[in-house]
Amino acid sequence: MSSGNTRGNIKIGLNVGIVLKQDQATGKITRGVVKRILTNSSSHPHGIKVQLGDGRVGRVKEIYTTGVR
């Protein structure tokens, strides 16, 4: 599994797990597809901030890969 702390690992359309702002205390993961990458720096210690296809925003904690392309 790639690191969500490095911007180079995050691509539009990627299936990821993020932590929403309101879930930071619990660390609850929300799954979705990346619509926009919001962090401009090449890395961030808490994860790259992205917007999902449904509009929710959070920091990437997990990157999911599938065998289907």
C-alpha atoms as a PDB file:
ATOM      1  CA  MET A   1       0.000   0.000   0.000  1.00  0.00           C
ATOM      2  CA  SER A   2       1.413   3.395  -1.022  1.00  0.00           C
ATOM      3  CA  SER A   3       1.816   6.273   1.370  1.00  0.00           C
ATOM      4  CA  GLY A   4      -0.918   8.917   1.504  1.00  0.00           C
ATOM      5  CA  ASN A   5       1.678  11.413   2.772  1.00  0.00           C
ATOM      6  CA  THR A   6       3.297  11.881  -0.659  1.00  0.00           C
ATOM      7  CA  ARG A   7       1.500  13.869  -3.368  1.00  0.00           C
ATOM      8  CA  GLY A   8       3.127  11.829  -6.150  1.00  0.00           C
ATOM      9  CA  ASN A   9       1.245   8.723  -4.968  1.00  0.00           C
ATOM     10  CA  ILE A  10      -2.173  10.403  -5.297  1.00  0.00           C
ATOM     11  CA  LYS A  11      -3.890  10.591  -8.689  1.00  0.00           C
ATOM     12  CA  ILE A  12      -7.311  11.785  -9.827  1.00  0.00           C
ATOM     13  CA  GLY A  13      -9.700   8.808  -9.978  1.00  0.00           C
ATOM     14  CA  LEU A  14      -7.789   6.789  -7.369  1.00  0.00           C
ATOM     15  CA  ASN A  15      -9.778   4.851  -4.761  1.00  0.00           C
ATOM     16  CA  VAL A  16      -8.625   6.077  -1.329  1.00  0.00           C
ATOM     17  CA  GLY A  17      -9.491   6.114   2.357  1.00  0.00           C
ATOM     18  CA  ILE A  18      -9.515   9.546   4.004  1.00  0.00           C
ATOM     19  CA  VAL A  19     -10.102  10.924   7.478  1.00  0.00           C
ATOM     20  CA  LEU A  20     -12.629  13.756   7.501  1.00  0.00           C
ATOM     21  CA  LYS A  21     -12.015  16.766   9.765  1.00  0.00           C
ATOM     22  CA  GLN A  22     -14.862  15.763  12.104  1.00  0.00           C
ATOM     23  CA  ASP A  23     -13.442  12.212  12.335  1.00  0.00           C
ATOM     24  CA  GLN A  24      -9.857  13.152  13.252  1.00  0.00           C
ATOM     25  CA  ALA A  25     -10.373  12.284  16.924  1.00  0.00           C
ATOM     26  CA  THR A  26     -11.571   8.760  16.121  1.00  0.00           C
ATOM     27  CA  GLY A  27      -9.552   8.167  12.940  1.00  0.00           C
ATOM     28  CA  LYS A  28     -12.625   6.817  11.116  1.00  0.00           C
ATOM     29  CA  ILE A  29     -11.803   6.087   7.464  1.00  0.00           C
ATOM     30  CA  THR A  30     -14.149   7.225   4.682  1.00  0.00           C
ATOM     31  CA  ARG A  31     -13.694   5.606   1.275  1.00  0.00           C
ATOM     32  CA  GLY A  32     -14.104   7.366  -2.037  1.00  0.00           C
ATOM     33  CA  VAL A  33     -12.606   8.358  -5.383  1.00  0.00           C
ATOM     34  CA  VAL A  34     -10.280  11.367  -5.681  1.00  0.00           C
ATOM     35  CA  LYS A  35     -11.840  14.262  -7.611  1.00  0.00           C
ATOM     36  CA  ARG A  36      -9.294  16.986  -6.733  1.00  0.00           C
ATOM     37  CA  ILE A  37      -5.936  17.141  -4.961  1.00  0.00           C
ATOM     38  CA  LEU A  38      -5.983  20.130  -2.605  1.00  0.00           C
ATOM     39  CA  THR A  39      -2.485  19.984  -1.038  1.00  0.00           C
ATOM     40  CA  ASN A  40       0.089  21.796  -3.178  1.00  0.00           C
ATOM     41  CA  SER A  41       3.246  20.661  -1.355  1.00  0.00           C
ATOM     42  CA  SER A  42       4.949  17.408  -2.355  1.00  0.00           C
ATOM     43  CA  SER A  43       4.292  15.826   1.048  1.00  0.00           C
ATOM     44  CA  HIS A  44       2.396  16.381   4.287  1.00  0.00           C
ATOM     45  CA  PRO A  45       2.936  14.533   7.593  1.00  0.00           C
ATOM     46  CA  HIS A  46      -0.817  14.019   8.185  1.00  0.00           C
ATOM     47  CA  GLY A  47      -1.664  13.022   4.616  1.00  0.00           C
ATOM     48  CA  ILE A  48      -2.405  14.807   1.347  1.00  0.00           C
ATOM     49  CA  LYS A  49      -5.721  16.680   1.442  1.00  0.00           C
ATOM     50  CA  VAL A  50      -8.144  15.672  -1.316  1.00  0.00           C
ATOM     51  CA  GLN A  51     -11.755  16.192  -2.345  1.00  0.00           C
ATOM     52  CA  LEU A  52     -13.738  13.053  -3.130  1.00  0.00           C
ATOM     53  CA  GLY A  53     -16.241  12.690  -5.963  1.00  0.00           C
ATOM     54  CA  ASP A  54     -19.111  13.339  -3.538  1.00  0.00           C
ATOM     55  CA  GLY A  55     -17.542  16.623  -2.339  1.00  0.00           C
ATOM     56  CA  ARG A  56     -16.209  15.462   1.036  1.00  0.00           C
ATOM     57  CA  VAL A  57     -12.710  16.679   1.948  1.00  0.00           C
ATOM     58  CA  GLY A  58     -10.099  14.953   4.082  1.00  0.00           C
ATOM     59  CA  ARG A  59      -6.531  13.696   4.332  1.00  0.00           C
ATOM     60  CA  VAL A  60      -5.485  10.453   2.613  1.00  0.00           C
ATOM     61  CA  LYS A  61      -4.634   7.669   5.048  1.00  0.00           C
ATOM     62  CA  GLU A  62      -4.988   4.651   2.729  1.00  0.00           C
ATOM     63  CA  ILE A  63      -4.640   4.058  -1.016  1.00  0.00           C
ATOM     64  CA  TYR A  64      -6.553   1.095  -2.414  1.00  0.00           C
ATOM     65  CA  THR A  65      -5.499  -0.790  -5.500  1.00  0.00           C
ATOM     66  CA  THR A  66      -7.587  -3.203  -7.510  1.00  0.00           C
ATOM     67  CA  GLY A  67      -6.639  -5.765 -10.109  1.00  0.00           C
ATOM     68  CA  VAL A  68      -9.198  -4.428 -12.587  1.00  0.00           C
ATOM     69  CA  ARG A  69      -8.175  -1.627 -14.956  1.00  0.00           C
END
